[in-house]
């Protein structure tokens, strides 16, 4: 399955695809952000059969090239091969540069609810736990409410038949 998302707040585009594998799924993506802080981001996101993150490898190009890997382990996360106890409570990953992570949260919750996300700020690659809420508005429509890093931020999400965001109010929209 392939998707493209366009940024609505600044110039940018993401080209995304997800493929099934024997033990889950592999999502591959390239993001080009041409806004005030320009960057390129590519990622490989390995998921289990329930769409839970097993591993995320990020490659960020600003003027410098930076790479980061995040891997789920029992009771927490490894970041670049080192256990990070401050992220142990995080249930799933949220990367600021892509709407793909909303699909992971919604599949985890299986309905309205809250979770603590391992929030990855792009382009700083700063990691922090962030509490989030999802409220059902209608079939395939959700309200995202940030209770953590961007406390007070809210946006309506429209989800397609594959469970991916096709409209993220004010930030992203599917193209094509």
C-alpha atoms as a PDB file:
ATOM      1  CA  UNK A   1       0.000   0.000   0.000  1.00  0.00           C
ATOM      2  CA  UNK A   2       1.360   3.406  -0.986  1.00  0.00           C
ATOM      3  CA  UNK A   3       0.444   6.913   0.128  1.00  0.00           C
ATOM      4  CA  UNK A   4       1.632  10.469  -0.323  1.00  0.00           C
ATOM      5  CA  UNK A   5       0.922  13.210   2.183  1.00  0.00           C
ATOM      6  CA  UNK A   6       1.352  16.926   1.579  1.00  0.00           C
ATOM      7  CA  UNK A   7       2.096  19.341   4.424  1.00  0.00           C
ATOM      8  CA  UNK A   8      -0.518  22.060   4.809  1.00  0.00           C
ATOM      9  CA  UNK A   9       1.240  24.403   7.243  1.00  0.00           C
ATOM     10  CA  UNK A  10       4.567  24.590   5.345  1.00  0.00           C
ATOM     11  CA  UNK A  11       5.848  23.197   2.024  1.00  0.00           C
ATOM     12  CA  UNK A  12       6.530  19.474   2.313  1.00  0.00           C
ATOM     13  CA  UNK A  13       5.723  16.027   0.966  1.00  0.00           C
ATOM     14  CA  UNK A  14       5.971  12.444   2.233  1.00  0.00           C
ATOM     15  CA  UNK A  15       6.121   9.376  -0.010  1.00  0.00           C
ATOM     16  CA  UNK A  16       5.172   6.298   2.020  1.00  0.00           C
ATOM     17  CA  UNK A  17       4.646   2.594   1.463  1.00  0.00           C
ATOM     18  CA  UNK A  18       3.958  -0.334   3.755  1.00  0.00           C
ATOM     19  CA  UNK A  19       4.458  -3.975   2.867  1.00  0.00           C
ATOM     20  CA  UNK A  20       3.610  -7.217   4.631  1.00  0.00           C
ATOM     21  CA  UNK A  21       6.418  -9.491   5.796  1.00  0.00           C
ATOM     22  CA  UNK A  22       6.426 -12.955   7.385  1.00  0.00           C
ATOM     23  CA  UNK A  23       6.529 -11.522  10.932  1.00  0.00           C
ATOM     24  CA  UNK A  24       4.635  -8.249  10.429  1.00  0.00           C
ATOM     25  CA  UNK A  25       5.008  -5.147   8.292  1.00  0.00           C
ATOM     26  CA  UNK A  26       7.727  -2.838   6.957  1.00  0.00           C
ATOM     27  CA  UNK A  27       6.936   0.841   6.362  1.00  0.00           C
ATOM     28  CA  UNK A  28       9.361   2.830   4.210  1.00  0.00           C
ATOM     29  CA  UNK A  29       9.133   6.557   3.750  1.00  0.00           C
ATOM     30  CA  UNK A  30      10.865   9.690   2.542  1.00  0.00           C
ATOM     31  CA  UNK A  31       9.838  13.106   3.843  1.00  0.00           C
ATOM     32  CA  UNK A  32      11.001  16.371   2.263  1.00  0.00           C
ATOM     33  CA  UNK A  33      10.220  19.400   4.389  1.00  0.00           C
ATOM     34  CA  UNK A  34      10.918  22.734   2.697  1.00  0.00           C
ATOM     35  CA  UNK A  35       9.558  24.975   5.433  1.00  0.00           C
ATOM     36  CA  UNK A  36      11.367  27.441   7.663  1.00  0.00           C
ATOM     37  CA  UNK A  37      13.621  24.638   8.976  1.00  0.00           C
ATOM     38  CA  UNK A  38      14.285  22.500   5.898  1.00  0.00           C
ATOM     39  CA  UNK A  39      15.118  18.813   6.280  1.00  0.00           C
ATOM     40  CA  UNK A  40      14.907  15.457   4.602  1.00  0.00           C
ATOM     41  CA  UNK A  41      13.895  12.389   6.598  1.00  0.00           C
ATOM     42  CA  UNK A  42      13.778   8.756   5.611  1.00  0.00           C
ATOM     43  CA  UNK A  43      12.630   5.966   7.852  1.00  0.00           C
ATOM     44  CA  UNK A  44      12.186   2.229   7.995  1.00  0.00           C
ATOM     45  CA  UNK A  45       9.525   1.277  10.537  1.00  0.00           C
ATOM     46  CA  UNK A  46       9.260  -2.421  11.423  1.00  0.00           C
ATOM     47  CA  UNK A  47       5.934  -3.497  12.913  1.00  0.00           C
ATOM     48  CA  UNK A  48       4.620  -6.770  14.263  1.00  0.00           C
ATOM     49  CA  UNK A  49       1.397  -8.345  12.976  1.00  0.00           C
ATOM     50  CA  UNK A  50      -0.666  -6.114  15.312  1.00  0.00           C
ATOM     51  CA  UNK A  51       1.005  -2.954  13.932  1.00  0.00           C
ATOM     52  CA  UNK A  52       3.060  -2.434  17.114  1.00  0.00           C
ATOM     53  CA  UNK A  53       6.519  -0.972  16.642  1.00  0.00           C
ATOM     54  CA  UNK A  54       9.388  -3.418  16.797  1.00  0.00           C
ATOM     55  CA  UNK A  55      12.036  -1.017  15.482  1.00  0.00           C
ATOM     56  CA  UNK A  56      12.275   2.404  13.856  1.00  0.00           C
ATOM     57  CA  UNK A  57      15.370   3.569  11.967  1.00  0.00           C
ATOM     58  CA  UNK A  58      15.508   7.285  11.171  1.00  0.00           C
ATOM     59  CA  UNK A  59      17.922   9.067   8.828  1.00  0.00           C
ATOM     60  CA  UNK A  60      17.730  12.856   8.992  1.00  0.00           C
ATOM     61  CA  UNK A  61      19.424  15.278   6.608  1.00  0.00           C
ATOM     62  CA  UNK A  62      19.639  18.898   7.647  1.00  0.00           C
ATOM     63  CA  UNK A  63      22.952  20.524   6.871  1.00  0.00           C
ATOM     64  CA  UNK A  64      24.261  17.473   8.794  1.00  0.00           C
ATOM     65  CA  UNK A  65      23.370  13.795   8.511  1.00  0.00           C
ATOM     66  CA  UNK A  66      22.034  12.176  11.692  1.00  0.00           C
ATOM     67  CA  UNK A  67      20.751   8.676  12.281  1.00  0.00           C
ATOM     68  CA  UNK A  68      18.805   7.166  15.157  1.00  0.00           C
ATOM     69  CA  UNK A  69      17.345   3.752  15.895  1.00  0.00           C
ATOM     70  CA  UNK A  70      14.592   3.032  18.398  1.00  0.00           C
ATOM     71  CA  UNK A  71      13.796  -0.564  19.304  1.00  0.00           C
ATOM     72  CA  UNK A  72      11.131  -2.007  21.582  1.00  0.00           C
ATOM     73  CA  UNK A  73      12.428  -4.307  24.318  1.00  0.00           C
ATOM     74  CA  UNK A  74      10.528  -5.921  27.197  1.00  0.00           C
ATOM     75  CA  UNK A  75       9.654  -3.079  29.563  1.00  0.00           C
ATOM     76  CA  UNK A  76      10.961  -0.225  27.444  1.00  0.00           C
ATOM     77  CA  UNK A  77      13.003   1.039  24.517  1.00  0.00           C
ATOM     78  CA  UNK A  78      16.556   0.970  23.235  1.00  0.00           C
ATOM     79  CA  UNK A  79      17.720   4.200  21.600  1.00  0.00           C
ATOM     80  CA  UNK A  80      20.825   3.695  19.486  1.00  0.00           C
ATOM     81  CA  UNK A  81      21.430   0.431  21.353  1.00  0.00           C
ATOM     82  CA  UNK A  82      21.099   1.887  24.863  1.00  0.00           C
ATOM     83  CA  UNK A  83      18.150   1.405  27.172  1.00  0.00           C
ATOM     84  CA  UNK A  84      16.366   4.679  27.925  1.00  0.00           C
ATOM     85  CA  UNK A  85      14.449   4.350  31.230  1.00  0.00           C
ATOM     86  CA  UNK A  86      12.795   7.762  30.829  1.00  0.00           C
ATOM     87  CA  UNK A  87      10.792   6.305  27.917  1.00  0.00           C
ATOM     88  CA  UNK A  88       9.750   3.036  29.600  1.00  0.00           C
ATOM     89  CA  UNK A  89       6.109   4.142  30.012  1.00  0.00           C
ATOM     90  CA  UNK A  90       5.720   4.849  26.275  1.00  0.00           C
ATOM     91  CA  UNK A  91       3.333   2.527  24.480  1.00  0.00           C
ATOM     92  CA  UNK A  92       3.987   3.554  20.859  1.00  0.00           C
ATOM     93  CA  UNK A  93       6.076   5.993  18.798  1.00  0.00           C
ATOM     94  CA  UNK A  94       4.886   9.351  17.424  1.00  0.00           C
ATOM     95  CA  UNK A  95       7.193  11.032  14.887  1.00  0.00           C
ATOM     96  CA  UNK A  96       6.238  14.700  14.418  1.00  0.00           C
ATOM     97  CA  UNK A  97       6.988  14.732  10.665  1.00  0.00           C
ATOM     98  CA  UNK A  98       4.461  12.062   9.604  1.00  0.00           C
ATOM     99  CA  UNK A  99       0.754  11.292  10.075  1.00  0.00           C
ATOM    100  CA  UNK A 100       1.516   7.548   9.824  1.00  0.00           C
ATOM    101  CA  UNK A 101       2.010   7.242  13.586  1.00  0.00           C
ATOM    102  CA  UNK A 102      -1.649   8.153  14.220  1.00  0.00           C
ATOM    103  CA  UNK A 103      -2.609   4.837  12.584  1.00  0.00           C
ATOM    104  CA  UNK A 104      -0.429   3.019  15.120  1.00  0.00           C
ATOM    105  CA  UNK A 105      -2.056   4.807  18.062  1.00  0.00           C
ATOM    106  CA  UNK A 106      -5.587   4.168  16.784  1.00  0.00           C
ATOM    107  CA  UNK A 107      -4.862   0.465  16.185  1.00  0.00           C
ATOM    108  CA  UNK A 108      -3.363   0.148  19.662  1.00  0.00           C
ATOM    109  CA  UNK A 109      -6.326   1.830  21.357  1.00  0.00           C
ATOM    110  CA  UNK A 110      -8.984   0.025  19.252  1.00  0.00           C
ATOM    111  CA  UNK A 111     -11.345   2.888  20.084  1.00  0.00           C
ATOM    112  CA  UNK A 112     -11.412   6.142  22.046  1.00  0.00           C
ATOM    113  CA  UNK A 113      -8.759   6.419  24.737  1.00  0.00           C
ATOM    114  CA  UNK A 114      -5.394   7.710  25.880  1.00  0.00           C
ATOM    115  CA  UNK A 115      -1.831   6.521  25.536  1.00  0.00           C
ATOM    116  CA  UNK A 116       1.671   7.721  26.273  1.00  0.00           C
ATOM    117  CA  UNK A 117       3.655   8.086  23.073  1.00  0.00           C
ATOM    118  CA  UNK A 118       7.407   8.142  22.603  1.00  0.00           C
ATOM    119  CA  UNK A 119       7.410  11.514  20.851  1.00  0.00           C
ATOM    120  CA  UNK A 120      10.218  12.137  18.331  1.00  0.00           C
ATOM    121  CA  UNK A 121      10.563  15.821  17.468  1.00  0.00           C
ATOM    122  CA  UNK A 122      11.868  16.336  13.942  1.00  0.00           C
ATOM    123  CA  UNK A 123      14.317  17.880  13.104  1.00  0.00           C
ATOM    124  CA  UNK A 124      15.842  18.028  16.617  1.00  0.00           C
ATOM    125  CA  UNK A 125      15.383  14.246  17.190  1.00  0.00           C
ATOM    126  CA  UNK A 126      14.610  15.091  20.804  1.00  0.00           C
ATOM    127  CA  UNK A 127      12.726  12.213  22.493  1.00  0.00           C
ATOM    128  CA  UNK A 128      10.149  12.573  25.239  1.00  0.00           C
ATOM    129  CA  UNK A 129       7.086  10.811  26.626  1.00  0.00           C
ATOM    130  CA  UNK A 130       3.887  12.591  25.620  1.00  0.00           C
ATOM    131  CA  UNK A 131       0.331  11.805  26.680  1.00  0.00           C
ATOM    132  CA  UNK A 132      -2.284  11.789  23.893  1.00  0.00           C
ATOM    133  CA  UNK A 133      -6.045  11.316  23.642  1.00  0.00           C
ATOM    134  CA  UNK A 134      -8.156  10.133  20.710  1.00  0.00           C
ATOM    135  CA  UNK A 135     -11.913  10.782  20.700  1.00  0.00           C
ATOM    136  CA  UNK A 136     -14.307   9.285  18.141  1.00  0.00           C
ATOM    137  CA  UNK A 137     -16.334  11.917  16.268  1.00  0.00           C
ATOM    138  CA  UNK A 138     -17.986   9.706  13.638  1.00  0.00           C
ATOM    139  CA  UNK A 139     -17.147   6.675  11.571  1.00  0.00           C
ATOM    140  CA  UNK A 140     -13.572   7.221  10.315  1.00  0.00           C
ATOM    141  CA  UNK A 141     -13.302  10.622  12.085  1.00  0.00           C
ATOM    142  CA  UNK A 142     -11.263  11.203  15.219  1.00  0.00           C
ATOM    143  CA  UNK A 143     -10.250  14.114  17.416  1.00  0.00           C
ATOM    144  CA  UNK A 144      -6.589  14.103  18.443  1.00  0.00           C
ATOM    145  CA  UNK A 145      -5.851  15.950  21.704  1.00  0.00           C
ATOM    146  CA  UNK A 146      -2.282  16.437  22.890  1.00  0.00           C
ATOM    147  CA  UNK A 147      -1.981  16.297  26.670  1.00  0.00           C
ATOM    148  CA  UNK A 148       1.828  16.287  26.765  1.00  0.00           C
ATOM    149  CA  UNK A 149       4.568  17.901  24.662  1.00  0.00           C
ATOM    150  CA  UNK A 150       2.163  20.136  22.700  1.00  0.00           C
ATOM    151  CA  UNK A 151      -0.462  20.389  25.439  1.00  0.00           C
ATOM    152  CA  UNK A 152      -3.548  22.157  24.142  1.00  0.00           C
ATOM    153  CA  UNK A 153      -3.036  21.172  20.493  1.00  0.00           C
ATOM    154  CA  UNK A 154      -6.113  19.536  18.948  1.00  0.00           C
ATOM    155  CA  UNK A 155      -6.912  18.415  15.407  1.00  0.00           C
ATOM    156  CA  UNK A 156      -9.556  16.380  13.585  1.00  0.00           C
ATOM    157  CA  UNK A 157      -8.342  13.315  11.693  1.00  0.00           C
ATOM    158  CA  UNK A 158     -10.078  11.522   8.834  1.00  0.00           C
ATOM    159  CA  UNK A 159      -9.052   7.891   8.398  1.00  0.00           C
ATOM    160  CA  UNK A 160      -9.269   5.865   5.169  1.00  0.00           C
ATOM    161  CA  UNK A 161     -10.383   2.239   4.740  1.00  0.00           C
ATOM    162  CA  UNK A 162      -6.791   1.040   5.381  1.00  0.00           C
ATOM    163  CA  UNK A 163      -6.669   2.820   8.739  1.00  0.00           C
ATOM    164  CA  UNK A 164      -4.297   5.559   7.543  1.00  0.00           C
ATOM    165  CA  UNK A 165      -4.844   9.298   7.906  1.00  0.00           C
ATOM    166  CA  UNK A 166      -6.012  10.991   4.712  1.00  0.00           C
ATOM    167  CA  UNK A 167      -6.750  14.357   6.304  1.00  0.00           C
ATOM    168  CA  UNK A 168      -5.058  15.761   9.426  1.00  0.00           C
ATOM    169  CA  UNK A 169      -6.622  19.133  10.101  1.00  0.00           C
ATOM    170  CA  UNK A 170      -4.168  21.941   9.357  1.00  0.00           C
ATOM    171  CA  UNK A 171      -1.086  19.712   8.973  1.00  0.00           C
ATOM    172  CA  UNK A 172      -1.366  16.917   6.370  1.00  0.00           C
ATOM    173  CA  UNK A 173      -3.560  15.708   3.538  1.00  0.00           C
ATOM    174  CA  UNK A 174      -3.316  12.686   1.284  1.00  0.00           C
ATOM    175  CA  UNK A 175      -2.368  13.383  -2.326  1.00  0.00           C
ATOM    176  CA  UNK A 176      -3.500  11.308  -5.306  1.00  0.00           C
END
